[in-house]
Amino acid sequence: MNILTQRRYSVILFMQYLLLIFDICINSFASFARPSPVDLLVLYVIQDFCLIVALTVLLVSFFSTYIFQVGLIQLLYTQFRVTLILCIIYIILSIGLHSWHMTLHWPTPFSHYWTRGFHSLYSIHKAVAVLYYYFYKRASLRVGDPRYYESSTWLQKRSLP
């Protein structure tokens, strides 16, 4: 990697970590905004938007690799398949959980009534969140590997049938 690429990678990595930390904070502290449903709604909309931005930033970092530029998309997909699938599942679970949470608690913000389905979705969301954080961080670090940005014997061996 040359200096410009390292600087760009550092900025992208910093932005990805900032988005992950923001997501962790919203997941951890959103209950403090519970008395005001409007504030909670705004937090949830910003969180969902940031999840989409995080996926977009990850995809842009994939698109800037040499592997993608020479057309070996399948190789890149096999390397990061779990991360991409988890990102999409986590976004869907987050939007579903936020919608359901706002539906339950908008009329009575201090009510602690949770249905079984909501409790199940909440638990699944938190379990998938841990996997999402791990795989997203791993992918953001792995995509900075210099072998993804230049032709090498590793790439030639992997691209042959």
C-alpha atoms as a PDB file:
ATOM      1  CA  MET A   1       0.000   0.000   0.000  1.00  0.00           C
ATOM      2  CA  ASN A   2       1.288   3.426  -0.798  1.00  0.00           C
ATOM      3  CA  ILE A   3       0.962   6.416   1.536  1.00  0.00           C
ATOM      4  CA  LEU A   4      -2.263   7.696  -0.022  1.00  0.00           C
ATOM      5  CA  THR A   5      -3.892   4.282   0.189  1.00  0.00           C
ATOM      6  CA  GLN A   6      -2.813   3.872   3.804  1.00  0.00           C
ATOM      7  CA  ARG A   7      -4.233   7.256   4.698  1.00  0.00           C
ATOM      8  CA  ARG A   8      -7.497   6.456   2.920  1.00  0.00           C
ATOM      9  CA  TYR A   9      -7.670   3.061   4.606  1.00  0.00           C
ATOM     10  CA  SER A  10      -7.076   4.668   8.011  1.00  0.00           C
ATOM     11  CA  VAL A  11      -9.897   7.143   7.443  1.00  0.00           C
ATOM     12  CA  ILE A  12     -12.263   4.399   6.283  1.00  0.00           C
ATOM     13  CA  LEU A  13     -11.300   2.189   9.224  1.00  0.00           C
ATOM     14  CA  PHE A  14     -11.837   5.055  11.659  1.00  0.00           C
ATOM     15  CA  MET A  15     -15.256   5.766  10.152  1.00  0.00           C
ATOM     16  CA  GLN A  16     -16.221   2.086  10.337  1.00  0.00           C
ATOM     17  CA  TYR A  17     -15.210   1.883  13.990  1.00  0.00           C
ATOM     18  CA  LEU A  18     -17.053   5.105  14.752  1.00  0.00           C
ATOM     19  CA  LEU A  19     -20.220   3.640  13.204  1.00  0.00           C
ATOM     20  CA  LEU A  20     -19.785   0.417  15.209  1.00  0.00           C
ATOM     21  CA  ILE A  21     -19.281   2.316  18.465  1.00  0.00           C
ATOM     22  CA  PHE A  22     -22.337   4.456  17.731  1.00  0.00           C
ATOM     23  CA  ASP A  23     -24.399   1.313  17.124  1.00  0.00           C
ATOM     24  CA  ILE A  24     -23.160  -0.266  20.348  1.00  0.00           C
ATOM     25  CA  CYS A  25     -24.003   2.893  22.297  1.00  0.00           C
ATOM     26  CA  ILE A  26     -27.524   3.105  20.860  1.00  0.00           C
ATOM     27  CA  ASN A  27     -28.120  -0.568  21.625  1.00  0.00           C
ATOM     28  CA  SER A  28     -26.817  -0.076  25.167  1.00  0.00           C
ATOM     29  CA  PHE A  29     -28.337   3.247  26.124  1.00  0.00           C
ATOM     30  CA  ALA A  30     -31.517   3.645  24.057  1.00  0.00           C
ATOM     31  CA  SER A  31     -33.624   2.743  27.085  1.00  0.00           C
ATOM     32  CA  PHE A  32     -32.632   6.067  28.672  1.00  0.00           C
ATOM     33  CA  ALA A  33     -34.597   7.848  25.934  1.00  0.00           C
ATOM     34  CA  ARG A  34     -37.684   5.769  26.670  1.00  0.00           C
ATOM     35  CA  PRO A  35     -39.691   8.508  28.437  1.00  0.00           C
ATOM     36  CA  SER A  36     -39.677  10.515  25.212  1.00  0.00           C
ATOM     37  CA  PRO A  37     -40.891   8.358  22.305  1.00  0.00           C
ATOM     38  CA  VAL A  38     -39.957  11.022  19.754  1.00  0.00           C
ATOM     39  CA  ASP A  39     -36.324  11.031  20.900  1.00  0.00           C
ATOM     40  CA  LEU A  40     -36.279   7.249  20.797  1.00  0.00           C
ATOM     41  CA  LEU A  41     -37.701   7.255  17.281  1.00  0.00           C
ATOM     42  CA  VAL A  42     -35.048   9.718  16.135  1.00  0.00           C
ATOM     43  CA  LEU A  43     -32.305   7.563  17.684  1.00  0.00           C
ATOM     44  CA  TYR A  44     -33.648   4.453  15.979  1.00  0.00           C
ATOM     45  CA  VAL A  45     -33.877   6.163  12.584  1.00  0.00           C
ATOM     46  CA  ILE A  46     -30.306   7.451  12.931  1.00  0.00           C
ATOM     47  CA  GLN A  47     -29.109   3.999  14.000  1.00  0.00           C
ATOM     48  CA  ASP A  48     -30.760   2.302  11.028  1.00  0.00           C
ATOM     49  CA  PHE A  49     -29.327   4.921   8.695  1.00  0.00           C
ATOM     50  CA  CYS A  50     -25.847   4.390  10.171  1.00  0.00           C
ATOM     51  CA  LEU A  51     -26.162   0.629   9.660  1.00  0.00           C
ATOM     52  CA  ILE A  52     -26.894   1.208   5.994  1.00  0.00           C
ATOM     53  CA  VAL A  53     -23.962   3.635   5.769  1.00  0.00           C
ATOM     54  CA  ALA A  54     -21.697   1.057   7.461  1.00  0.00           C
ATOM     55  CA  LEU A  55     -22.668  -1.574   4.892  1.00  0.00           C
ATOM     56  CA  THR A  56     -22.102   0.937   2.097  1.00  0.00           C
ATOM     57  CA  VAL A  57     -18.650   1.860   3.423  1.00  0.00           C
ATOM     58  CA  LEU A  58     -17.731  -1.819   3.652  1.00  0.00           C
ATOM     59  CA  LEU A  59     -18.877  -2.404   0.081  1.00  0.00           C
ATOM     60  CA  VAL A  60     -16.940   0.639  -1.149  1.00  0.00           C
ATOM     61  CA  SER A  61     -13.806  -0.726   0.484  1.00  0.00           C
ATOM     62  CA  PHE A  62     -14.427  -4.024  -1.332  1.00  0.00           C
ATOM     63  CA  PHE A  63     -14.940  -2.206  -4.635  1.00  0.00           C
ATOM     64  CA  SER A  64     -11.590  -0.428  -4.331  1.00  0.00           C
ATOM     65  CA  THR A  65      -9.604  -3.677  -4.147  1.00  0.00           C
ATOM     66  CA  TYR A  66      -7.560  -4.980  -7.044  1.00  0.00           C
ATOM     67  CA  ILE A  67      -9.493  -8.264  -6.898  1.00  0.00           C
ATOM     68  CA  PHE A  68     -12.777  -6.489  -7.585  1.00  0.00           C
ATOM     69  CA  GLN A  69     -11.278  -4.302 -10.299  1.00  0.00           C
ATOM     70  CA  VAL A  70      -9.982  -7.283 -12.267  1.00  0.00           C
ATOM     71  CA  GLY A  71     -13.378  -8.965 -12.062  1.00  0.00           C
ATOM     72  CA  LEU A  72     -12.781 -11.657  -9.449  1.00  0.00           C
ATOM     73  CA  ILE A  73     -15.907 -10.751  -7.519  1.00  0.00           C
ATOM     74  CA  GLN A  74     -16.632 -14.389  -6.641  1.00  0.00           C
ATOM     75  CA  LEU A  75     -13.292 -14.658  -4.825  1.00  0.00           C
ATOM     76  CA  LEU A  76     -14.040 -11.539  -2.827  1.00  0.00           C
ATOM     77  CA  TYR A  77     -17.552 -12.783  -2.080  1.00  0.00           C
ATOM     78  CA  THR A  78     -16.296 -16.135  -0.783  1.00  0.00           C
ATOM     79  CA  GLN A  79     -13.822 -14.347   1.500  1.00  0.00           C
ATOM     80  CA  PHE A  80     -16.469 -12.028   3.024  1.00  0.00           C
ATOM     81  CA  ARG A  81     -19.750 -13.904   2.521  1.00  0.00           C
ATOM     82  CA  VAL A  82     -20.552 -14.358   6.226  1.00  0.00           C
ATOM     83  CA  THR A  83     -19.961 -10.683   6.940  1.00  0.00           C
ATOM     84  CA  LEU A  84     -22.203  -9.503   4.114  1.00  0.00           C
ATOM     85  CA  ILE A  85     -25.006 -11.886   5.080  1.00  0.00           C
ATOM     86  CA  LEU A  86     -24.757 -10.891   8.750  1.00  0.00           C
ATOM     87  CA  CYS A  87     -24.842  -7.186   7.824  1.00  0.00           C
ATOM     88  CA  ILE A  88     -28.063  -7.643   5.883  1.00  0.00           C
ATOM     89  CA  ILE A  89     -29.661  -9.838   8.563  1.00  0.00           C
ATOM     90  CA  TYR A  90     -28.687  -7.363  11.287  1.00  0.00           C
ATOM     91  CA  ILE A  91     -30.141  -4.416   9.376  1.00  0.00           C
ATOM     92  CA  ILE A  92     -33.419  -6.290   8.840  1.00  0.00           C
ATOM     93  CA  LEU A  93     -33.571  -7.369  12.501  1.00  0.00           C
ATOM     94  CA  SER A  94     -32.813  -3.829  13.679  1.00  0.00           C
ATOM     95  CA  ILE A  95     -35.514  -2.242  11.552  1.00  0.00           C
ATOM     96  CA  GLY A  96     -38.012  -4.901  12.639  1.00  0.00           C
ATOM     97  CA  LEU A  97     -37.125  -4.541  16.321  1.00  0.00           C
ATOM     98  CA  HIS A  98     -37.263  -0.757  16.206  1.00  0.00           C
ATOM     99  CA  SER A  99     -40.617  -0.751  14.444  1.00  0.00           C
ATOM    100  CA  TRP A 100     -42.114  -3.226  16.871  1.00  0.00           C
ATOM    101  CA  HIS A 101     -40.658  -1.421  19.875  1.00  0.00           C
ATOM    102  CA  MET A 102     -42.114   1.901  18.776  1.00  0.00           C
ATOM    103  CA  THR A 103     -45.488   0.262  18.133  1.00  0.00           C
ATOM    104  CA  LEU A 104     -45.585  -1.237  21.633  1.00  0.00           C
ATOM    105  CA  HIS A 105     -44.293   1.725  23.602  1.00  0.00           C
ATOM    106  CA  TRP A 106     -45.438   4.823  21.717  1.00  0.00           C
ATOM    107  CA  PRO A 107     -48.805   5.175  23.509  1.00  0.00           C
ATOM    108  CA  THR A 108     -47.445   4.282  26.969  1.00  0.00           C
ATOM    109  CA  PRO A 109     -43.681   4.855  27.182  1.00  0.00           C
ATOM    110  CA  PHE A 110     -43.346   3.653  30.774  1.00  0.00           C
ATOM    111  CA  SER A 111     -45.153   0.363  30.203  1.00  0.00           C
ATOM    112  CA  HIS A 112     -42.904  -2.683  30.460  1.00  0.00           C
ATOM    113  CA  TYR A 113     -45.222  -5.037  28.633  1.00  0.00           C
ATOM    114  CA  TRP A 114     -43.275  -7.237  26.243  1.00  0.00           C
ATOM    115  CA  THR A 115     -44.942  -9.932  24.207  1.00  0.00           C
ATOM    116  CA  ARG A 116     -43.217 -13.281  23.752  1.00  0.00           C
ATOM    117  CA  GLY A 117     -42.557 -12.496  20.117  1.00  0.00           C
ATOM    118  CA  PHE A 118     -40.985  -9.150  20.937  1.00  0.00           C
ATOM    119  CA  HIS A 119     -38.840 -10.696  23.646  1.00  0.00           C
ATOM    120  CA  SER A 120     -37.695 -13.384  21.192  1.00  0.00           C
ATOM    121  CA  LEU A 121     -36.879 -10.814  18.500  1.00  0.00           C
ATOM    122  CA  TYR A 122     -35.020  -8.707  21.063  1.00  0.00           C
ATOM    123  CA  SER A 123     -32.912 -11.695  22.143  1.00  0.00           C
ATOM    124  CA  ILE A 124     -32.166 -12.752  18.566  1.00  0.00           C
ATOM    125  CA  HIS A 125     -31.250  -9.157  17.677  1.00  0.00           C
ATOM    126  CA  LYS A 126     -28.756  -8.913  20.529  1.00  0.00           C
ATOM    127  CA  ALA A 127     -27.203 -12.301  19.702  1.00  0.00           C
ATOM    128  CA  VAL A 128     -26.832 -11.381  16.026  1.00  0.00           C
ATOM    129  CA  ALA A 129     -25.448  -7.971  17.065  1.00  0.00           C
ATOM    130  CA  VAL A 130     -22.481  -9.638  18.761  1.00  0.00           C
ATOM    131  CA  LEU A 131     -21.763 -11.691  15.639  1.00  0.00           C
ATOM    132  CA  TYR A 132     -22.223  -8.602  13.454  1.00  0.00           C
ATOM    133  CA  TYR A 133     -19.713  -6.581  15.500  1.00  0.00           C
ATOM    134  CA  TYR A 134     -17.129  -9.359  15.360  1.00  0.00           C
ATOM    135  CA  PHE A 135     -17.429 -10.153  11.657  1.00  0.00           C
ATOM    136  CA  TYR A 136     -17.738  -6.518  10.567  1.00  0.00           C
ATOM    137  CA  LYS A 137     -14.621  -5.533  12.488  1.00  0.00           C
ATOM    138  CA  ARG A 138     -12.771  -8.584  11.161  1.00  0.00           C
ATOM    139  CA  ALA A 139     -13.766  -7.773   7.578  1.00  0.00           C
ATOM    140  CA  SER A 140     -12.785  -4.133   7.926  1.00  0.00           C
ATOM    141  CA  LEU A 141      -9.325  -5.196   9.073  1.00  0.00           C
ATOM    142  CA  ARG A 142      -8.930  -8.003   6.512  1.00  0.00           C
ATOM    143  CA  VAL A 143      -9.827  -5.819   3.537  1.00  0.00           C
ATOM    144  CA  GLY A 144      -6.733  -3.728   4.326  1.00  0.00           C
ATOM    145  CA  ASP A 145      -4.454  -6.682   3.571  1.00  0.00           C
ATOM    146  CA  PRO A 146      -2.016  -5.626   0.805  1.00  0.00           C
ATOM    147  CA  ARG A 147      -2.624  -8.831  -1.155  1.00  0.00           C
ATOM    148  CA  TYR A 148      -6.114  -7.566  -2.042  1.00  0.00           C
ATOM    149  CA  TYR A 149      -4.594  -4.492  -3.719  1.00  0.00           C
ATOM    150  CA  GLU A 150      -1.969  -6.011  -5.996  1.00  0.00           C
ATOM    151  CA  SER A 151      -1.435  -8.967  -8.254  1.00  0.00           C
ATOM    152  CA  SER A 152       0.298 -11.802  -6.438  1.00  0.00           C
ATOM    153  CA  THR A 153       0.907 -15.529  -6.606  1.00  0.00           C
ATOM    154  CA  TRP A 154      -1.786 -15.983  -3.931  1.00  0.00           C
ATOM    155  CA  LEU A 155      -4.311 -14.317  -6.213  1.00  0.00           C
ATOM    156  CA  GLN A 156      -3.236 -16.327  -9.235  1.00  0.00           C
ATOM    157  CA  LYS A 157      -3.569 -19.582  -7.305  1.00  0.00           C
ATOM    158  CA  ARG A 158      -7.013 -18.627  -5.975  1.00  0.00           C
ATOM    159  CA  SER A 159      -8.367 -17.481  -9.340  1.00  0.00           C
ATOM    160  CA  LEU A 160      -7.478 -20.648 -11.245  1.00  0.00           C
ATOM    161  CA  PRO A 161     -10.273 -23.273 -11.445  1.00  0.00           C
END
